Amino acid sequence: MRIRDLIDKVSKPFFSLEFFPPSEDAQLPTFFSTVEQLKSMAPLFVSVTYGAGGRRQRDTLAVAGELARRGLTCMPHLTCVGAEPEGITHFLGKLRQTGVDNVLALRGDPPVGQEYPTTGRFRHAGDLVAFIRDRMPDMGIGVAAYPAPHPESASFAEDREYTAQKIRAGADFAISQLFFDVREYEDLVASLRIRGIQTPVIPGILPIQSFDSLRRVLSLCGANIPGKLYLELEQARDQGGEEALREAGLAFAVRQIRRLLDVGAPGIHLYTLNKSELCLRIAAEANL
């Protein structure tokens, strides 16, 4: 079933979850044990990430197929940078064979050491959305949205228009990149509504676990952190160490989720880091 249909039918806010394929086969039993524990959250759907340049396409296919077999509505990521139409069509066909009816259409990053191609069929995520919608009209398609502008965007307005173009190309819904200021999410949604787009936008939440992980994430996605939150985390670490910092990060995530639901978010997309305890605590404390 298409995820948009599930969103339209659900009567209350939901959780959805993002996983990444384990890097080694030996880690698969632990990974699927985590998945089974998180099924108690009754996620509306789950997503599975895709390596830069499609390096882990096989892993994504295998994990997505197994999650579908376990009764979860699964949405693998699909990046298009450097891809050819035949390869995209082949991947989509494989997904349908495993019972997967949804995909998150992304431009993606080129392999390490390579530049973004300036020619080719797929230069932007919108190109991929239009291609999928043309080739497989009944496929569910999600796209990424940025509460703070993408690092390559010149302005908020330019970034908002890129998001609108992706949705107009045929996307069913959007999932936001992580952010720490709910006002940015509100502005993103309002900008789409002004453009006449009523597509659901699901906010993505990643609890802060350490300053190292925070710096890495901020450098990759262009998000920013409010100074007040940074000081709060710094104070927690100085007084109680890394564990206190993690607790402060989790508490902030819970407050953020409650605020997002108050302003009308249809649900919450949790970046799980493949950790069940963290997500279960968030679910319990957010009382979603």
Protein backbone atom coordinates (compact mmCIF):
# COMPACT_ATOMS: atom_id res chain seq x y z
CA MET A 1 0.00 0.00 0.00
CA ARG A 2 1.16 3.54 -0.69
CA ILE A 3 2.26 5.40 2.42
CA ARG A 4 0.22 8.46 1.48
CA ASP A 5 -2.92 6.31 1.69
CA LEU A 6 -1.90 5.19 5.18
CA ILE A 7 -1.28 8.80 6.25
CA ASP A 8 -4.68 9.84 4.95
CA LYS A 9 -6.43 7.01 6.80
CA VAL A 10 -4.72 7.30 10.19
CA SER A 11 -6.77 9.13 12.79
CA LYS A 12 -4.00 10.23 15.15
CA PRO A 13 -0.32 11.21 15.01
CA PHE A 14 2.05 8.36 14.21
CA PHE A 15 5.67 7.32 14.41
CA SER A 16 7.69 6.18 11.43
CA LEU A 17 11.24 4.85 11.76
CA GLU A 18 14.45 5.00 9.74
CA PHE A 19 17.02 2.19 9.74
CA PHE A 20 20.35 1.73 8.00
CA PRO A 21 21.50 -1.67 6.68
CA PRO A 22 24.20 -3.26 8.86
CA SER A 23 27.65 -3.08 7.30
CA GLU A 24 28.31 -6.79 7.93
CA ASP A 25 26.09 -9.86 7.61
CA ALA A 26 27.10 -10.95 11.10
CA GLN A 27 25.23 -7.92 12.47
CA LEU A 28 21.92 -8.87 10.85
CA PRO A 29 20.53 -10.96 13.74
CA THR A 30 21.04 -8.06 16.16
CA PHE A 31 19.57 -5.65 13.64
CA PHE A 32 16.39 -7.66 13.14
CA SER A 33 16.09 -8.16 16.90
CA THR A 34 16.06 -4.36 17.20
CA VAL A 35 13.42 -4.16 14.49
CA GLU A 36 11.21 -6.66 16.33
CA GLN A 37 11.50 -4.66 19.55
CA LEU A 38 10.53 -1.45 17.75
CA LYS A 39 7.47 -3.05 16.18
CA SER A 40 5.82 -2.44 19.56
CA MET A 41 5.72 1.25 18.55
CA ALA A 42 3.37 0.28 15.69
CA PRO A 43 5.26 2.44 13.16
CA LEU A 44 3.11 3.55 10.25
CA PHE A 45 6.07 2.76 7.98
CA VAL A 46 9.83 2.29 8.09
CA SER A 47 12.56 3.52 5.78
CA VAL A 48 15.93 2.02 4.87
CA THR A 49 18.90 4.16 3.86
CA TYR A 50 20.99 3.82 0.71
CA GLY A 51 24.76 4.34 0.50
CA ALA A 52 26.39 7.21 -1.40
CA GLY A 53 26.44 6.46 -5.11
CA GLY A 54 24.33 3.35 -4.48
CA ARG A 55 27.23 1.45 -2.95
CA ARG A 56 24.96 -0.61 -0.69
CA GLN A 57 22.05 -1.12 -3.06
CA ARG A 58 22.04 -4.88 -2.49
CA ASP A 59 21.93 -4.42 1.28
CA THR A 60 19.03 -1.98 0.97
CA LEU A 61 17.08 -4.39 -1.23
CA ALA A 62 17.68 -7.34 1.08
CA VAL A 63 16.77 -5.48 4.26
CA ALA A 64 13.70 -3.83 2.69
CA GLY A 65 12.44 -7.18 1.45
CA GLU A 66 12.86 -8.80 4.85
CA LEU A 67 11.12 -5.92 6.63
CA ALA A 68 8.21 -6.22 4.21
CA ARG A 69 8.11 -9.97 4.85
CA ARG A 70 7.86 -9.20 8.59
CA GLY A 71 4.71 -7.18 7.96
CA LEU A 72 6.13 -3.64 7.92
CA THR A 73 5.32 -1.07 5.25
CA CYS A 74 8.81 -0.34 3.99
CA MET A 75 10.21 2.61 2.04
CA PRO A 76 13.80 2.20 0.83
CA HIS A 77 15.82 5.27 -0.06
CA LEU A 78 16.81 5.55 -3.71
CA THR A 79 19.47 7.99 -4.87
CA CYS A 80 19.89 8.99 -8.49
CA VAL A 81 23.20 10.83 -8.72
CA GLY A 82 25.22 9.23 -11.53
CA ALA A 83 22.48 6.66 -12.21
CA GLU A 84 21.10 5.51 -15.55
CA PRO A 85 17.41 4.89 -16.31
CA GLU A 86 17.98 1.16 -16.77
CA GLY A 87 19.53 0.84 -13.32
CA ILE A 88 16.71 2.78 -11.66
CA THR A 89 14.09 0.69 -13.45
CA HIS A 90 15.84 -2.52 -12.42
CA PHE A 91 15.97 -1.45 -8.76
CA LEU A 92 12.31 -0.48 -8.73
CA GLY A 93 11.37 -3.79 -10.32
CA LYS A 94 13.29 -5.66 -7.64
CA LEU A 95 11.49 -3.71 -4.96
CA ARG A 96 8.08 -4.60 -6.34
CA GLN A 97 9.07 -8.27 -6.49
CA THR A 98 9.78 -8.19 -2.74
CA GLY A 99 6.45 -6.58 -1.90
CA VAL A 100 7.71 -3.01 -1.49
CA ASP A 101 5.45 -0.30 -2.95
CA ASN A 102 7.14 2.90 -1.75
CA VAL A 103 10.44 4.67 -2.24
CA LEU A 104 12.12 7.83 -0.92
CA ALA A 105 13.46 9.62 -4.00
CA LEU A 106 16.72 11.47 -3.33
CA ARG A 107 19.47 13.03 -5.38
CA GLY A 108 22.06 11.60 -3.03
CA ASP A 109 25.81 12.10 -2.76
CA PRO A 110 28.39 10.92 -5.31
CA PRO A 111 30.94 8.30 -4.24
CA VAL A 112 33.80 9.66 -2.13
CA GLY A 113 36.31 11.52 -4.29
CA GLN A 114 33.89 12.17 -7.15
CA GLU A 115 32.03 15.33 -8.15
CA TYR A 116 28.34 15.74 -8.93
CA PRO A 117 27.78 15.06 -12.64
CA THR A 118 26.75 18.07 -14.69
CA THR A 119 25.02 16.01 -17.38
CA GLY A 120 22.79 12.95 -17.46
CA ARG A 121 19.15 12.00 -16.98
CA PHE A 122 19.09 12.52 -13.21
CA ARG A 123 20.63 15.74 -11.91
CA HIS A 124 18.03 16.51 -9.25
CA ALA A 125 15.66 14.54 -7.05
CA GLY A 126 12.74 15.99 -9.01
CA ASP A 127 14.05 14.23 -12.12
CA LEU A 128 13.88 10.92 -10.27
CA VAL A 129 10.38 11.62 -8.94
CA ALA A 130 9.07 12.39 -12.44
CA PHE A 131 10.76 9.28 -13.87
CA ILE A 132 9.26 6.96 -11.25
CA ARG A 133 5.82 8.51 -11.55
CA ASP A 134 5.96 8.02 -15.34
CA ARG A 135 7.27 4.45 -15.25
CA MET A 136 5.34 3.22 -12.20
CA PRO A 137 2.29 5.46 -11.66
CA ASP A 138 1.09 3.44 -8.65
CA MET A 139 4.40 3.62 -6.75
CA GLY A 140 4.39 5.56 -3.48
CA ILE A 141 7.00 8.34 -3.57
CA GLY A 142 8.40 10.39 -0.72
CA VAL A 143 10.97 13.20 -0.95
CA ALA A 144 13.25 15.06 1.45
CA ALA A 145 12.53 18.59 2.66
CA TYR A 146 14.82 20.98 4.50
CA PRO A 147 13.53 23.14 7.38
CA ALA A 148 16.84 25.01 7.12
CA PRO A 149 18.03 25.45 3.52
CA HIS A 150 20.12 22.73 1.89
CA PRO A 151 23.82 23.73 2.04
CA GLU A 152 23.80 24.29 -1.74
CA SER A 153 20.75 26.57 -1.74
CA ALA A 154 21.35 30.29 -1.94
CA SER A 155 18.36 31.25 0.19
CA PHE A 156 15.31 30.00 2.06
CA ALA A 157 13.09 31.02 -0.85
CA GLU A 158 15.16 29.11 -3.39
CA ASP A 159 15.20 26.00 -1.23
CA ARG A 160 11.45 26.14 -0.62
CA GLU A 161 10.86 26.35 -4.37
CA TYR A 162 13.07 23.29 -5.00
CA THR A 163 10.99 21.37 -2.46
CA ALA A 164 7.79 22.49 -4.16
CA GLN A 165 9.13 21.40 -7.55
CA LYS A 166 9.90 17.90 -6.25
CA ILE A 167 6.39 17.55 -4.90
CA ARG A 168 4.80 18.89 -8.08
CA ALA A 169 6.80 16.30 -10.02
CA GLY A 170 4.69 13.61 -8.38
CA ALA A 171 5.71 13.06 -4.74
CA ASP A 172 3.08 11.93 -2.25
CA PHE A 173 4.63 13.36 0.90
CA ALA A 174 7.87 14.76 2.32
CA ILE A 175 10.10 13.86 5.26
CA SER A 176 12.18 16.65 6.72
CA GLN A 177 15.87 16.65 7.35
CA LEU A 178 16.65 16.91 11.05
CA PHE A 179 16.35 20.29 12.74
CA PHE A 180 16.29 21.74 16.25
CA ASP A 181 14.00 24.77 15.93
CA VAL A 182 10.31 23.99 15.42
CA ARG A 183 9.80 27.41 13.84
CA GLU A 184 11.85 26.25 10.85
CA TYR A 185 9.44 23.36 10.32
CA GLU A 186 6.45 25.69 10.64
CA ASP A 187 7.98 28.03 8.06
CA LEU A 188 8.64 25.13 5.66
CA VAL A 189 5.05 23.92 5.84
CA ALA A 190 3.63 27.45 5.55
CA SER A 191 5.75 28.14 2.47
CA LEU A 192 4.37 25.03 0.77
CA ARG A 193 0.80 25.90 1.69
CA ILE A 194 1.24 29.39 0.22
CA ARG A 195 2.28 27.66 -3.01
CA GLY A 196 -0.93 25.66 -2.97
CA ILE A 197 0.73 22.41 -1.86
CA GLN A 198 -1.16 20.45 0.81
CA THR A 199 1.19 17.44 0.79
CA PRO A 200 1.96 16.04 4.28
CA VAL A 201 5.38 16.99 5.67
CA ILE A 202 6.64 14.60 8.35
CA PRO A 203 9.31 16.10 10.62
CA GLY A 204 12.47 14.05 11.08
CA ILE A 205 13.90 13.85 14.62
CA LEU A 206 17.37 12.69 15.66
CA PRO A 207 18.13 12.84 19.40
CA ILE A 208 21.51 14.36 20.18
CA GLN A 209 23.83 11.69 21.59
CA SER A 210 27.20 13.46 21.70
CA PHE A 211 28.89 16.63 20.50
CA ASP A 212 30.95 14.59 18.02
CA SER A 213 27.84 13.13 16.39
CA LEU A 214 26.15 16.54 16.48
CA ARG A 215 29.05 18.22 14.68
CA ARG A 216 29.15 15.46 12.08
CA VAL A 217 25.43 15.73 11.40
CA LEU A 218 25.48 19.52 11.19
CA SER A 219 28.35 19.43 8.69
CA LEU A 220 26.51 16.95 6.47
CA CYS A 221 23.00 18.36 6.32
CA GLY A 222 23.33 22.10 6.87
CA ALA A 223 21.12 22.15 9.97
CA ASN A 224 21.89 24.59 12.76
CA ILE A 225 21.49 24.42 16.51
CA PRO A 226 20.03 27.22 18.65
CA GLY A 227 22.57 28.73 21.01
CA LYS A 228 20.34 28.14 24.05
CA LEU A 229 20.17 24.40 23.29
CA TYR A 230 23.92 24.19 22.73
CA LEU A 231 24.58 25.80 26.10
CA GLU A 232 22.06 23.48 27.77
CA LEU A 233 23.83 20.43 26.34
CA GLU A 234 27.25 21.80 27.25
CA GLN A 235 26.16 22.43 30.82
CA ALA A 236 24.73 18.91 31.10
CA ARG A 237 27.99 17.38 29.88
CA ASP A 238 30.12 19.54 32.18
CA GLN A 239 28.03 18.58 35.19
CA GLY A 240 27.34 14.92 34.46
CA GLY A 241 29.47 13.72 31.57
CA GLU A 242 28.39 12.07 28.32
CA GLU A 243 25.48 10.21 29.88
CA ALA A 244 24.00 13.46 31.17
CA LEU A 245 24.43 14.99 27.72
CA ARG A 246 22.52 12.08 26.15
CA GLU A 247 19.73 12.48 28.69
CA ALA A 248 19.51 16.19 27.91
CA GLY A 249 19.42 15.41 24.19
CA LEU A 250 16.63 12.90 24.68
CA ALA A 251 14.63 15.31 26.85
CA PHE A 252 14.93 18.00 24.18
CA ALA A 253 13.76 15.56 21.49
CA VAL A 254 10.66 14.77 23.56
CA ARG A 255 9.88 18.47 24.01
CA GLN A 256 10.41 19.04 20.30
CA ILE A 257 8.05 16.19 19.38
CA ARG A 258 5.31 17.52 21.66
CA ARG A 259 5.67 20.99 20.15
CA LEU A 260 5.56 19.61 16.61
CA LEU A 261 2.36 17.75 17.31
CA ASP A 262 0.90 20.93 18.82
CA VAL A 263 1.57 22.83 15.56
CA GLY A 264 -0.05 20.13 13.44
CA ALA A 265 2.66 17.70 12.34
CA PRO A 266 0.94 14.53 11.05
CA GLY A 267 3.49 12.27 12.71
CA ILE A 268 7.15 11.95 13.67
CA HIS A 269 9.89 10.26 11.66
CA LEU A 270 12.54 8.97 14.08
CA TYR A 271 16.11 8.44 12.92
CA THR A 272 16.64 5.32 15.04
CA LEU A 273 20.42 4.85 14.70
CA ASN A 274 19.38 1.17 14.84
CA LYS A 275 18.88 1.51 18.60
CA SER A 276 15.69 0.24 20.18
CA GLU A 277 16.05 1.50 23.76
CA LEU A 278 16.44 5.12 22.67
CA CYS A 279 13.35 5.05 20.45
CA LEU A 280 11.19 3.21 22.97
CA ARG A 281 12.03 5.78 25.64
CA ILE A 282 11.15 8.63 23.30
CA ALA A 283 7.84 6.99 22.42
CA ALA A 284 6.98 6.46 26.08
CA GLU A 285 7.97 9.93 27.23
CA ALA A 286 6.40 11.76 24.28
CA ASN A 287 3.19 9.83 24.96
CA LEU A 288 2.40 9.69 21.27
